[in-house]
Amino acid sequence: MNKDNVNKATSEGMSRPQKKTKEEIIRERKLNASMIVLPKKNQEQLGILAVQPDKNIFSLTGKKYMKIYSLKGVELTETRKKILIGELCRLSKSRMRISTFSYANSPSPIIFLSVFFEGNSYADVAEEIDAFDKSLMSLMDSKFKLSFLVCGIGDVFMFIYMNYNGQMKKVSSKSILKKSAHLKKNYFQMIKEQEVGYIIPQSGKLGKSYIGIQFPDKMEQPLNTLKRLGNTYLSSIDFQVVDHEYASYYERMIEDSYGNSGEVGKGNPLLNFSFMFTYLCDSEMERKMYDAVVKKYFADNALVASPCNGSEQKVVDSISTFGLFDMHCCRNVNIDIISKLFG
């Protein structure tokens, strides 16, 4: 067989994308048609392109689809938190976010899980999202005395309103999907940056934000120790399993550079991780006092966090919206760090 024939035979033997059946095409069209497209002003201002109201899924810019769950049940020990993070990473390679909203008048923090799926259309990710839902429910039934409940579209905006305005407002999904709805105007607040931190003009609340830029191998105190002070704080941790090949390279690099090995390859996956934190208080004096406590917490735990001067609006928007406004700054860490900053 001459060279041309070999090339021809090889190319013919290569796998080709299978042509979609008529049923598959119809199914994809129905799935994509089930998305309700938001008015252009909401798309441009929020980056939310459309919503699937039955499945409570958001279509975002950058070919991202997002679903939000609220965590209900008993308070988790640190060990159980580590197990839960590991199990979530096993269920999906998608980036996830755990949002903690600790309100001054609430006895315990409220915790949410956001999951980001990537696809060119809703039809591309619908099966993946359904599979994740089933796996998550199975995990909760078998290993934990808690559950992740899907957040409705209205509930998401109810908490967004709470985070900016400091009070609860009942929101229906139908009101969000109205063509006349002005979501940014009705549920968000522009903050005014100050020399130190920010102020929300409408409520008069003062705050300050931080973003983690360096993390230790281990931390002593969990984040929820700050709850005892009675202030409102909001935090987010984004995490995603690092590709195994890169994780192995990273482990070798750490060993070569510092003479010791980390936790990769010992049952603990290496994770890409981002931590953001903001708090609210009523006066300048209170802000100074609380900020000193926050800085001490970071220092005592060898966590380097940078004030978000010049970026307060972006950080507050991202934390307050479960990641609908997507901002994160990732570092490589192990599960121990996530378990301390979770809750």
C-alpha atoms as a PDB file:
ATOM      1  CA  MET A   1       0.000   0.000   0.000  1.00  0.00           C
ATOM      2  CA  ASN A   2       1.497   3.326  -1.037  1.00  0.00           C
ATOM      3  CA  LYS A   3       1.734   6.374   1.233  1.00  0.00           C
ATOM      4  CA  ASP A   4      -1.424   8.045  -0.132  1.00  0.00           C
ATOM      5  CA  ASN A   5      -3.470   4.908   0.442  1.00  0.00           C
ATOM      6  CA  VAL A   6      -2.104   4.580   3.982  1.00  0.00           C
ATOM      7  CA  ASN A   7      -3.080   8.178   4.742  1.00  0.00           C
ATOM      8  CA  LYS A   8      -6.520   7.610   3.255  1.00  0.00           C
ATOM      9  CA  ALA A   9      -7.084   4.440   5.240  1.00  0.00           C
ATOM     10  CA  THR A  10      -5.873   6.109   8.433  1.00  0.00           C
ATOM     11  CA  SER A  11      -8.157   9.124   7.990  1.00  0.00           C
ATOM     12  CA  GLU A  12     -11.132   6.913   7.195  1.00  0.00           C
ATOM     13  CA  GLY A  13     -10.441   4.877  10.308  1.00  0.00           C
ATOM     14  CA  MET A  14     -10.312   7.912  12.574  1.00  0.00           C
ATOM     15  CA  SER A  15     -13.344   8.610  14.708  1.00  0.00           C
ATOM     16  CA  ARG A  16     -15.651  11.314  13.419  1.00  0.00           C
ATOM     17  CA  PRO A  17     -18.306  13.226  15.301  1.00  0.00           C
ATOM     18  CA  GLN A  18     -21.515  11.248  15.090  1.00  0.00           C
ATOM     19  CA  LYS A  19     -24.361  12.958  13.330  1.00  0.00           C
ATOM     20  CA  LYS A  20     -27.166  13.875  15.705  1.00  0.00           C
ATOM     21  CA  THR A  21     -30.437  12.057  15.307  1.00  0.00           C
ATOM     22  CA  LYS A  22     -33.681  13.897  14.679  1.00  0.00           C
ATOM     23  CA  GLU A  23     -34.798  13.090  18.236  1.00  0.00           C
ATOM     24  CA  GLU A  24     -31.589  14.534  19.690  1.00  0.00           C
ATOM     25  CA  ILE A  25     -31.956  17.731  17.692  1.00  0.00           C
ATOM     26  CA  ILE A  26     -35.577  18.149  18.830  1.00  0.00           C
ATOM     27  CA  ARG A  27     -34.569  17.498  22.452  1.00  0.00           C
ATOM     28  CA  GLU A  28     -31.793  20.115  22.302  1.00  0.00           C
ATOM     29  CA  ARG A  29     -34.127  22.680  20.786  1.00  0.00           C
ATOM     30  CA  LYS A  30     -36.716  22.097  23.536  1.00  0.00           C
ATOM     31  CA  LEU A  31     -34.083  22.431  26.271  1.00  0.00           C
ATOM     32  CA  ASN A  32     -32.660  25.640  24.843  1.00  0.00           C
ATOM     33  CA  ALA A  33     -36.152  27.044  24.291  1.00  0.00           C
ATOM     34  CA  SER A  34     -36.941  26.450  27.977  1.00  0.00           C
ATOM     35  CA  MET A  35     -34.515  29.233  28.934  1.00  0.00           C
ATOM     36  CA  ILE A  36     -36.245  32.558  29.524  1.00  0.00           C
ATOM     37  CA  VAL A  37     -34.074  35.338  28.124  1.00  0.00           C
ATOM     38  CA  LEU A  38     -33.777  38.397  30.367  1.00  0.00           C
ATOM     39  CA  PRO A  39     -34.249  41.949  29.064  1.00  0.00           C
ATOM     40  CA  LYS A  40     -31.158  43.461  27.507  1.00  0.00           C
ATOM     41  CA  LYS A  41     -30.659  45.971  30.361  1.00  0.00           C
ATOM     42  CA  ASN A  42     -30.430  43.118  32.883  1.00  0.00           C
ATOM     43  CA  GLN A  43     -28.076  41.175  30.645  1.00  0.00           C
ATOM     44  CA  GLU A  44     -25.737  44.127  30.253  1.00  0.00           C
ATOM     45  CA  GLN A  45     -25.825  45.286  33.888  1.00  0.00           C
ATOM     46  CA  LEU A  46     -25.703  41.903  35.627  1.00  0.00           C
ATOM     47  CA  GLY A  47     -24.230  39.483  33.098  1.00  0.00           C
ATOM     48  CA  ILE A  48     -27.238  37.177  33.577  1.00  0.00           C
ATOM     49  CA  LEU A  49     -28.396  36.219  30.102  1.00  0.00           C
ATOM     50  CA  ALA A  50     -31.294  33.880  30.830  1.00  0.00           C
ATOM     51  CA  VAL A  51     -32.960  31.718  33.465  1.00  0.00           C
ATOM     52  CA  GLN A  52     -34.396  28.199  33.419  1.00  0.00           C
ATOM     53  CA  PRO A  53     -37.216  28.671  35.975  1.00  0.00           C
ATOM     54  CA  ASP A  54     -38.188  24.997  36.423  1.00  0.00           C
ATOM     55  CA  LYS A  55     -34.631  23.869  37.170  1.00  0.00           C
ATOM     56  CA  ASN A  56     -33.564  27.205  38.743  1.00  0.00           C
ATOM     57  CA  ILE A  57     -30.517  27.587  36.514  1.00  0.00           C
ATOM     58  CA  PHE A  58     -28.827  30.842  35.523  1.00  0.00           C
ATOM     59  CA  SER A  59     -27.161  31.341  32.145  1.00  0.00           C
ATOM     60  CA  LEU A  60     -24.233  33.746  32.536  1.00  0.00           C
ATOM     61  CA  THR A  61     -21.765  35.423  30.215  1.00  0.00           C
ATOM     62  CA  GLY A  62     -18.676  33.398  29.327  1.00  0.00           C
ATOM     63  CA  LYS A  63     -20.714  30.284  28.469  1.00  0.00           C
ATOM     64  CA  LYS A  64     -21.317  29.535  32.154  1.00  0.00           C
ATOM     65  CA  TYR A  65     -24.393  28.010  33.752  1.00  0.00           C
ATOM     66  CA  MET A  66     -24.918  28.222  37.492  1.00  0.00           C
ATOM     67  CA  LYS A  67     -27.139  26.508  40.051  1.00  0.00           C
ATOM     68  CA  ILE A  68     -27.381  27.452  43.737  1.00  0.00           C
ATOM     69  CA  TYR A  69     -28.208  25.242  46.723  1.00  0.00           C
ATOM     70  CA  SER A  70     -28.785  26.115  50.392  1.00  0.00           C
ATOM     71  CA  LEU A  71     -27.215  23.908  53.053  1.00  0.00           C
ATOM     72  CA  LYS A  72     -29.636  22.708  55.718  1.00  0.00           C
ATOM     73  CA  GLY A  73     -29.096  20.431  58.712  1.00  0.00           C
ATOM     74  CA  VAL A  74     -26.786  19.916  61.670  1.00  0.00           C
ATOM     75  CA  GLU A  75     -23.634  21.989  62.148  1.00  0.00           C
ATOM     76  CA  LEU A  76     -20.610  20.231  60.692  1.00  0.00           C
ATOM     77  CA  THR A  77     -17.426  19.468  62.580  1.00  0.00           C
ATOM     78  CA  GLU A  78     -14.144  20.314  60.868  1.00  0.00           C
ATOM     79  CA  THR A  79     -13.586  16.640  60.015  1.00  0.00           C
ATOM     80  CA  ARG A  80     -17.022  16.392  58.427  1.00  0.00           C
ATOM     81  CA  LYS A  81     -16.370  19.578  56.482  1.00  0.00           C
ATOM     82  CA  LYS A  82     -13.192  18.046  55.035  1.00  0.00           C
ATOM     83  CA  ILE A  83     -15.091  14.911  54.058  1.00  0.00           C
ATOM     84  CA  LEU A  84     -17.857  16.985  52.471  1.00  0.00           C
ATOM     85  CA  ILE A  85     -15.424  19.085  50.406  1.00  0.00           C
ATOM     86  CA  GLY A  86     -13.660  15.930  49.241  1.00  0.00           C
ATOM     87  CA  GLU A  87     -16.966  14.338  48.237  1.00  0.00           C
ATOM     88  CA  LEU A  88     -18.087  17.441  46.344  1.00  0.00           C
ATOM     89  CA  CYS A  89     -14.803  17.420  44.421  1.00  0.00           C
ATOM     90  CA  ARG A  90     -15.372  13.773  43.616  1.00  0.00           C
ATOM     91  CA  LEU A  91     -18.856  14.498  42.268  1.00  0.00           C
ATOM     92  CA  SER A  92     -17.763  17.163  39.784  1.00  0.00           C
ATOM     93  CA  LYS A  93     -14.681  18.783  38.287  1.00  0.00           C
ATOM     94  CA  SER A  94     -16.638  22.031  37.960  1.00  0.00           C
ATOM     95  CA  ARG A  95     -15.730  25.086  39.995  1.00  0.00           C
ATOM     96  CA  MET A  96     -17.868  25.479  43.099  1.00  0.00           C
ATOM     97  CA  ARG A  97     -18.428  28.285  45.561  1.00  0.00           C
ATOM     98  CA  ILE A  98     -19.480  28.115  49.197  1.00  0.00           C
ATOM     99  CA  SER A  99     -21.047  31.390  50.324  1.00  0.00           C
ATOM    100  CA  THR A 100     -21.473  32.151  54.018  1.00  0.00           C
ATOM    101  CA  PHE A 101     -23.877  34.902  55.068  1.00  0.00           C
ATOM    102  CA  SER A 102     -23.591  35.588  58.802  1.00  0.00           C
ATOM    103  CA  TYR A 103     -26.098  38.261  59.775  1.00  0.00           C
ATOM    104  CA  ALA A 104     -25.883  40.184  63.043  1.00  0.00           C
ATOM    105  CA  ASN A 105     -29.431  39.213  64.053  1.00  0.00           C
ATOM    106  CA  SER A 106     -29.174  35.542  62.992  1.00  0.00           C
ATOM    107  CA  PRO A 107     -28.129  32.822  65.481  1.00  0.00           C
ATOM    108  CA  SER A 108     -26.016  30.940  62.936  1.00  0.00           C
ATOM    109  CA  PRO A 109     -24.527  31.557  59.475  1.00  0.00           C
ATOM    110  CA  ILE A 110     -26.523  30.672  56.358  1.00  0.00           C
ATOM    111  CA  ILE A 111     -24.504  28.622  53.870  1.00  0.00           C
ATOM    112  CA  PHE A 112     -24.955  28.133  50.125  1.00  0.00           C
ATOM    113  CA  LEU A 113     -23.289  26.110  47.390  1.00  0.00           C
ATOM    114  CA  SER A 114     -22.973  27.511  43.858  1.00  0.00           C
ATOM    115  CA  VAL A 115     -21.857  25.231  41.022  1.00  0.00           C
ATOM    116  CA  PHE A 116     -20.568  26.566  37.692  1.00  0.00           C
ATOM    117  CA  PHE A 117     -21.046  24.432  34.582  1.00  0.00           C
ATOM    118  CA  GLU A 118     -19.550  25.294  31.180  1.00  0.00           C
ATOM    119  CA  GLY A 119     -21.209  24.753  27.801  1.00  0.00           C
ATOM    120  CA  ASN A 120     -22.133  26.465  24.554  1.00  0.00           C
ATOM    121  CA  SER A 121     -25.842  26.053  25.303  1.00  0.00           C
ATOM    122  CA  TYR A 122     -28.137  24.805  28.033  1.00  0.00           C
ATOM    123  CA  ALA A 123     -28.602  21.570  26.099  1.00  0.00           C
ATOM    124  CA  ASP A 124     -24.854  20.955  26.431  1.00  0.00           C
ATOM    125  CA  VAL A 125     -24.962  21.010  30.243  1.00  0.00           C
ATOM    126  CA  ALA A 126     -28.514  19.856  31.086  1.00  0.00           C
ATOM    127  CA  GLU A 127     -27.585  16.192  31.561  1.00  0.00           C
ATOM    128  CA  GLU A 128     -24.485  17.080  33.573  1.00  0.00           C
ATOM    129  CA  ILE A 129     -26.525  19.289  35.910  1.00  0.00           C
ATOM    130  CA  ASP A 130     -29.216  16.625  36.361  1.00  0.00           C
ATOM    131  CA  ALA A 131     -26.546  14.009  37.115  1.00  0.00           C
ATOM    132  CA  PHE A 132     -24.927  16.319  39.681  1.00  0.00           C
ATOM    133  CA  ASP A 133     -28.324  16.904  41.339  1.00  0.00           C
ATOM    134  CA  LYS A 134     -28.903  13.167  41.712  1.00  0.00           C
ATOM    135  CA  SER A 135     -25.381  12.517  43.005  1.00  0.00           C
ATOM    136  CA  LEU A 136     -25.661  15.363  45.505  1.00  0.00           C
ATOM    137  CA  MET A 137     -28.981  14.108  46.854  1.00  0.00           C
ATOM    138  CA  SER A 138     -27.590  10.572  47.106  1.00  0.00           C
ATOM    139  CA  LEU A 139     -24.545  11.859  48.992  1.00  0.00           C
ATOM    140  CA  MET A 140     -26.690  13.746  51.470  1.00  0.00           C
ATOM    141  CA  ASP A 141     -28.961  10.759  52.073  1.00  0.00           C
ATOM    142  CA  SER A 142     -26.110   8.355  52.712  1.00  0.00           C
ATOM    143  CA  LYS A 143     -23.355  10.236  54.558  1.00  0.00           C
ATOM    144  CA  PHE A 144     -24.598  13.420  56.168  1.00  0.00           C
ATOM    145  CA  LYS A 145     -27.422  14.569  58.409  1.00  0.00           C
ATOM    146  CA  LEU A 146     -27.995  17.566  56.174  1.00  0.00           C
ATOM    147  CA  SER A 147     -29.176  18.384  52.690  1.00  0.00           C
ATOM    148  CA  PHE A 148     -28.553  20.788  49.846  1.00  0.00           C
ATOM    149  CA  LEU A 149     -31.881  22.285  48.788  1.00  0.00           C
ATOM    150  CA  VAL A 150     -32.155  23.956  45.385  1.00  0.00           C
ATOM    151  CA  CYS A 151     -32.580  27.733  45.703  1.00  0.00           C
ATOM    152  CA  GLY A 152     -35.423  29.174  43.665  1.00  0.00           C
ATOM    153  CA  ILE A 153     -34.794  32.217  41.481  1.00  0.00           C
ATOM    154  CA  GLY A 154     -36.857  34.397  43.821  1.00  0.00           C
ATOM    155  CA  ASP A 155     -34.980  33.141  46.910  1.00  0.00           C
ATOM    156  CA  VAL A 156     -31.647  34.009  45.302  1.00  0.00           C
ATOM    157  CA  PHE A 157     -32.711  37.621  44.809  1.00  0.00           C
ATOM    158  CA  MET A 158     -34.266  37.722  48.275  1.00  0.00           C
ATOM    159  CA  PHE A 159     -30.835  37.068  49.809  1.00  0.00           C
ATOM    160  CA  ILE A 160     -29.130  39.431  47.366  1.00  0.00           C
ATOM    161  CA  TYR A 161     -31.494  42.164  48.556  1.00  0.00           C
ATOM    162  CA  MET A 162     -30.775  41.228  52.179  1.00  0.00           C
ATOM    163  CA  ASN A 163     -27.013  41.438  51.665  1.00  0.00           C
ATOM    164  CA  TYR A 164     -27.179  44.988  50.320  1.00  0.00           C
ATOM    165  CA  ASN A 165     -30.093  46.409  52.294  1.00  0.00           C
ATOM    166  CA  GLY A 166     -29.876  44.581  55.619  1.00  0.00           C
ATOM    167  CA  GLN A 167     -33.501  43.460  55.623  1.00  0.00           C
ATOM    168  CA  MET A 168     -35.475  40.589  54.186  1.00  0.00           C
ATOM    169  CA  LYS A 169     -37.840  41.109  51.264  1.00  0.00           C
ATOM    170  CA  LYS A 170     -40.004  38.350  49.858  1.00  0.00           C
ATOM    171  CA  VAL A 171     -39.315  37.928  46.136  1.00  0.00           C
ATOM    172  CA  SER A 172     -41.164  35.717  43.652  1.00  0.00           C
ATOM    173  CA  SER A 173     -39.570  34.149  40.622  1.00  0.00           C
ATOM    174  CA  LYS A 174     -42.290  35.674  38.453  1.00  0.00           C
ATOM    175  CA  SER A 175     -41.296  39.196  39.485  1.00  0.00           C
ATOM    176  CA  ILE A 176     -37.696  38.505  38.454  1.00  0.00           C
ATOM    177  CA  LEU A 177     -38.737  37.256  35.026  1.00  0.00           C
ATOM    178  CA  LYS A 178     -41.008  40.178  34.137  1.00  0.00           C
ATOM    179  CA  LYS A 179     -39.841  42.107  31.098  1.00  0.00           C
ATOM    180  CA  SER A 180     -40.268  45.327  33.076  1.00  0.00           C
ATOM    181  CA  ALA A 181     -38.086  44.116  35.983  1.00  0.00           C
ATOM    182  CA  HIS A 182     -35.058  46.335  36.641  1.00  0.00           C
ATOM    183  CA  LEU A 183     -33.001  43.915  38.700  1.00  0.00           C
ATOM    184  CA  LYS A 184     -29.964  46.061  39.443  1.00  0.00           C
ATOM    185  CA  LYS A 185     -32.066  49.035  40.519  1.00  0.00           C
ATOM    186  CA  ASN A 186     -34.467  46.990  42.673  1.00  0.00           C
ATOM    187  CA  TYR A 187     -32.120  44.525  44.393  1.00  0.00           C
ATOM    188  CA  PHE A 188     -28.562  45.875  44.299  1.00  0.00           C
ATOM    189  CA  GLN A 189     -26.863  48.894  45.828  1.00  0.00           C
ATOM    190  CA  MET A 190     -23.989  50.996  44.604  1.00  0.00           C
ATOM    191  CA  ILE A 191     -21.423  51.367  47.350  1.00  0.00           C
ATOM    192  CA  LYS A 192     -19.198  54.393  47.851  1.00  0.00           C
ATOM    193  CA  GLU A 193     -15.534  53.669  48.392  1.00  0.00           C
ATOM    194  CA  GLN A 194     -13.792  55.519  51.186  1.00  0.00           C
ATOM    195  CA  GLU A 195     -10.153  55.908  52.120  1.00  0.00           C
ATOM    196  CA  VAL A 196     -10.632  52.821  54.276  1.00  0.00           C
ATOM    197  CA  GLY A 197     -13.411  50.458  53.200  1.00  0.00           C
ATOM    198  CA  TYR A 198     -16.794  51.569  51.878  1.00  0.00           C
ATOM    199  CA  ILE A 199     -20.223  52.876  52.815  1.00  0.00           C
ATOM    200  CA  ILE A 200     -23.639  51.854  51.486  1.00  0.00           C
ATOM    201  CA  PRO A 201     -25.273  55.306  51.107  1.00  0.00           C
ATOM    202  CA  GLN A 202     -28.888  54.154  51.341  1.00  0.00           C
ATOM    203  CA  SER A 203     -28.504  52.198  54.594  1.00  0.00           C
ATOM    204  CA  GLY A 204     -25.535  54.071  56.043  1.00  0.00           C
ATOM    205  CA  LYS A 205     -23.781  50.761  56.752  1.00  0.00           C
ATOM    206  CA  LEU A 206     -19.973  50.796  56.741  1.00  0.00           C
ATOM    207  CA  GLY A 207     -17.815  47.918  55.606  1.00  0.00           C
ATOM    208  CA  LYS A 208     -14.473  46.679  54.405  1.00  0.00           C
ATOM    209  CA  SER A 209     -13.433  43.782  52.164  1.00  0.00           C
ATOM    210  CA  TYR A 210     -10.445  41.471  51.949  1.00  0.00           C
ATOM    211  CA  ILE A 211      -9.223  38.918  49.449  1.00  0.00           C
ATOM    212  CA  GLY A 212      -6.882  36.068  50.383  1.00  0.00           C
ATOM    213  CA  ILE A 213      -3.526  36.101  48.585  1.00  0.00           C
ATOM    214  CA  GLN A 214      -1.478  33.597  50.603  1.00  0.00           C
ATOM    215  CA  PHE A 215      -2.494  30.646  52.759  1.00  0.00           C
ATOM    216  CA  PRO A 216      -0.687  28.437  55.288  1.00  0.00           C
ATOM    217  CA  ASP A 217      -0.550  24.641  55.210  1.00  0.00           C
ATOM    218  CA  LYS A 218      -2.785  24.559  58.282  1.00  0.00           C
ATOM    219  CA  MET A 219      -5.001  26.985  60.173  1.00  0.00           C
ATOM    220  CA  GLU A 220      -5.851  26.952  63.865  1.00  0.00           C
ATOM    221  CA  GLN A 221      -9.155  28.815  64.078  1.00  0.00           C
ATOM    222  CA  PRO A 222     -12.284  28.467  61.932  1.00  0.00           C
ATOM    223  CA  LEU A 223     -13.802  31.571  60.358  1.00  0.00           C
ATOM    224  CA  ASN A 224     -17.029  31.219  62.322  1.00  0.00           C
ATOM    225  CA  THR A 225     -15.216  32.262  65.521  1.00  0.00           C
ATOM    226  CA  LEU A 226     -15.876  35.809  64.243  1.00  0.00           C
ATOM    227  CA  LYS A 227     -19.619  35.186  64.640  1.00  0.00           C
ATOM    228  CA  ARG A 228     -19.412  35.688  68.403  1.00  0.00           C
ATOM    229  CA  LEU A 229     -18.748  39.422  67.874  1.00  0.00           C
ATOM    230  CA  GLY A 230     -22.247  39.896  66.501  1.00  0.00           C
ATOM    231  CA  ASN A 231     -21.399  41.760  63.298  1.00  0.00           C
ATOM    232  CA  THR A 232     -22.627  40.892  59.825  1.00  0.00           C
ATOM    233  CA  TYR A 233     -19.996  39.271  57.630  1.00  0.00           C
ATOM    234  CA  LEU A 234     -20.209  37.661  54.204  1.00  0.00           C
ATOM    235  CA  SER A 235     -17.584  35.360  52.739  1.00  0.00           C
ATOM    236  CA  SER A 236     -17.017  33.178  49.705  1.00  0.00           C
ATOM    237  CA  ILE A 237     -14.646  30.328  48.958  1.00  0.00           C
ATOM    238  CA  ASP A 238     -14.265  29.071  45.402  1.00  0.00           C
ATOM    239  CA  PHE A 239     -12.630  25.704  44.825  1.00  0.00           C
ATOM    240  CA  GLN A 240     -11.941  23.316  41.978  1.00  0.00           C
ATOM    241  CA  VAL A 241      -9.861  20.160  41.741  1.00  0.00           C
ATOM    242  CA  VAL A 242      -6.524  20.757  40.034  1.00  0.00           C
ATOM    243  CA  ASP A 243      -5.723  18.465  37.117  1.00  0.00           C
ATOM    244  CA  HIS A 244      -3.823  15.405  38.438  1.00  0.00           C
ATOM    245  CA  GLU A 245      -0.843  15.892  36.128  1.00  0.00           C
ATOM    246  CA  TYR A 246      -0.428  19.516  37.183  1.00  0.00           C
ATOM    247  CA  ALA A 247      -0.963  18.595  40.837  1.00  0.00           C
ATOM    248  CA  SER A 248       1.879  16.065  40.655  1.00  0.00           C
ATOM    249  CA  TYR A 249       4.145  18.676  39.053  1.00  0.00           C
ATOM    250  CA  TYR A 250       3.202  21.207  41.742  1.00  0.00           C
ATOM    251  CA  GLU A 251       3.978  18.670  44.477  1.00  0.00           C
ATOM    252  CA  ARG A 252       7.439  17.953  43.030  1.00  0.00           C
ATOM    253  CA  MET A 253       8.125  21.675  42.716  1.00  0.00           C
ATOM    254  CA  ILE A 254       7.247  22.261  46.400  1.00  0.00           C
ATOM    255  CA  GLU A 255       9.439  19.363  47.469  1.00  0.00           C
ATOM    256  CA  ASP A 256      12.379  20.548  45.358  1.00  0.00           C
ATOM    257  CA  SER A 257      12.028  24.139  46.550  1.00  0.00           C
ATOM    258  CA  TYR A 258      11.368  23.602  50.239  1.00  0.00           C
ATOM    259  CA  GLY A 259      12.623  20.106  50.969  1.00  0.00           C
ATOM    260  CA  ASN A 260       9.276  18.757  52.132  1.00  0.00           C
ATOM    261  CA  SER A 261       6.270  17.259  50.436  1.00  0.00           C
ATOM    262  CA  GLY A 262       2.695  18.424  50.831  1.00  0.00           C
ATOM    263  CA  GLU A 263      -0.558  16.552  50.962  1.00  0.00           C
ATOM    264  CA  VAL A 264      -1.082  15.673  47.284  1.00  0.00           C
ATOM    265  CA  GLY A 265      -1.117  11.958  46.649  1.00  0.00           C
ATOM    266  CA  LYS A 266      -2.106  11.171  50.273  1.00  0.00           C
ATOM    267  CA  GLY A 267      -5.825  11.088  49.683  1.00  0.00           C
ATOM    268  CA  ASN A 268      -6.063  14.896  49.650  1.00  0.00           C
ATOM    269  CA  PRO A 269      -6.541  16.515  46.241  1.00  0.00           C
ATOM    270  CA  LEU A 270      -4.838  19.795  45.392  1.00  0.00           C
ATOM    271  CA  LEU A 271      -7.448  22.492  44.924  1.00  0.00           C
ATOM    272  CA  ASN A 272      -7.562  25.827  43.178  1.00  0.00           C
ATOM    273  CA  PHE A 273      -9.003  28.079  45.835  1.00  0.00           C
ATOM    274  CA  SER A 274     -10.168  31.673  46.304  1.00  0.00           C
ATOM    275  CA  PHE A 275     -11.276  33.410  49.523  1.00  0.00           C
ATOM    276  CA  MET A 276     -13.081  36.756  49.791  1.00  0.00           C
ATOM    277  CA  PHE A 277     -14.523  38.399  52.888  1.00  0.00           C
ATOM    278  CA  THR A 278     -16.500  41.534  53.680  1.00  0.00           C
ATOM    279  CA  TYR A 279     -18.195  42.813  56.819  1.00  0.00           C
ATOM    280  CA  LEU A 280     -20.759  45.471  57.744  1.00  0.00           C
ATOM    281  CA  CYS A 281     -21.157  47.631  60.848  1.00  0.00           C
ATOM    282  CA  ASP A 282     -22.941  50.787  62.007  1.00  0.00           C
ATOM    283  CA  SER A 283     -20.243  53.332  62.846  1.00  0.00           C
ATOM    284  CA  GLU A 284     -16.663  54.322  62.164  1.00  0.00           C
ATOM    285  CA  MET A 285     -15.653  53.419  65.714  1.00  0.00           C
ATOM    286  CA  GLU A 286     -17.246  49.991  65.350  1.00  0.00           C
ATOM    287  CA  ARG A 287     -15.483  49.470  62.026  1.00  0.00           C
ATOM    288  CA  LYS A 288     -12.081  50.242  63.572  1.00  0.00           C
ATOM    289  CA  MET A 289     -12.718  47.824  66.433  1.00  0.00           C
ATOM    290  CA  TYR A 290     -14.022  45.024  64.207  1.00  0.00           C
ATOM    291  CA  ASP A 291     -11.297  45.528  61.622  1.00  0.00           C
ATOM    292  CA  ALA A 292      -8.659  45.061  64.325  1.00  0.00           C
ATOM    293  CA  VAL A 293     -10.278  41.740  65.260  1.00  0.00           C
ATOM    294  CA  VAL A 294     -10.433  40.603  61.627  1.00  0.00           C
ATOM    295  CA  LYS A 295      -6.780  41.494  61.036  1.00  0.00           C
ATOM    296  CA  LYS A 296      -5.775  39.628  64.206  1.00  0.00           C
ATOM    297  CA  TYR A 297      -7.712  36.576  63.032  1.00  0.00           C
ATOM    298  CA  PHE A 298      -5.824  36.617  59.730  1.00  0.00           C
ATOM    299  CA  ALA A 299      -2.465  37.127  61.460  1.00  0.00           C
ATOM    300  CA  ASP A 300      -3.057  34.414  64.087  1.00  0.00           C
ATOM    301  CA  ASN A 301      -3.807  31.942  61.304  1.00  0.00           C
ATOM    302  CA  ALA A 302      -0.927  33.001  59.019  1.00  0.00           C
ATOM    303  CA  LEU A 303      -3.428  33.981  56.323  1.00  0.00           C
ATOM    304  CA  VAL A 304      -2.342  36.930  54.182  1.00  0.00           C
ATOM    305  CA  ALA A 305      -5.395  38.903  53.039  1.00  0.00           C
ATOM    306  CA  SER A 306      -5.226  42.134  51.094  1.00  0.00           C
ATOM    307  CA  PRO A 307      -7.696  45.026  51.577  1.00  0.00           C
ATOM    308  CA  CYS A 308      -9.739  45.545  48.418  1.00  0.00           C
ATOM    309  CA  ASN A 309      -9.070  49.247  47.977  1.00  0.00           C
ATOM    310  CA  GLY A 310     -10.281  50.299  44.524  1.00  0.00           C
ATOM    311  CA  SER A 311     -12.150  47.019  44.013  1.00  0.00           C
ATOM    312  CA  GLU A 312     -14.712  47.106  46.814  1.00  0.00           C
ATOM    313  CA  GLN A 313     -17.736  47.206  44.484  1.00  0.00           C
ATOM    314  CA  LYS A 314     -16.576  44.185  42.468  1.00  0.00           C
ATOM    315  CA  VAL A 315     -15.773  42.147  45.563  1.00  0.00           C
ATOM    316  CA  VAL A 316     -18.980  43.022  47.419  1.00  0.00           C
ATOM    317  CA  ASP A 317     -21.040  42.314  44.287  1.00  0.00           C
ATOM    318  CA  SER A 318     -19.426  38.905  43.834  1.00  0.00           C
ATOM    319  CA  ILE A 319     -19.749  37.807  47.462  1.00  0.00           C
ATOM    320  CA  SER A 320     -23.309  39.111  47.841  1.00  0.00           C
ATOM    321  CA  THR A 321     -24.614  37.403  44.698  1.00  0.00           C
ATOM    322  CA  PHE A 322     -23.357  33.828  45.232  1.00  0.00           C
ATOM    323  CA  GLY A 323     -20.940  34.413  42.331  1.00  0.00           C
ATOM    324  CA  LEU A 324     -23.479  35.636  39.766  1.00  0.00           C
ATOM    325  CA  PHE A 325     -21.014  38.503  39.527  1.00  0.00           C
ATOM    326  CA  ASP A 326     -17.973  36.336  39.031  1.00  0.00           C
ATOM    327  CA  MET A 327     -14.754  37.444  40.684  1.00  0.00           C
ATOM    328  CA  HIS A 328     -12.131  35.220  42.272  1.00  0.00           C
ATOM    329  CA  CYS A 329      -8.362  35.084  42.744  1.00  0.00           C
ATOM    330  CA  CYS A 330      -7.159  31.498  42.954  1.00  0.00           C
ATOM    331  CA  ARG A 331      -4.270  29.890  44.837  1.00  0.00           C
ATOM    332  CA  ASN A 332      -3.373  26.238  45.323  1.00  0.00           C
ATOM    333  CA  VAL A 333      -4.311  24.846  48.757  1.00  0.00           C
ATOM    334  CA  ASN A 334      -5.349  21.623  50.469  1.00  0.00           C
ATOM    335  CA  ILE A 335      -8.712  20.705  51.979  1.00  0.00           C
ATOM    336  CA  ASP A 336      -7.657  21.701  55.518  1.00  0.00           C
ATOM    337  CA  ILE A 337      -7.702  25.400  54.625  1.00  0.00           C
ATOM    338  CA  ILE A 338     -11.144  25.194  53.035  1.00  0.00           C
ATOM    339  CA  SER A 339     -12.600  23.431  56.078  1.00  0.00           C
ATOM    340  CA  LYS A 340     -11.464  26.300  58.338  1.00  0.00           C
ATOM    341  CA  LEU A 341     -12.900  29.047  56.117  1.00  0.00           C
ATOM    342  CA  PHE A 342     -16.178  27.200  55.465  1.00  0.00           C
ATOM    343  CA  GLY A 343     -19.007  28.564  57.623  1.00  0.00           C
END
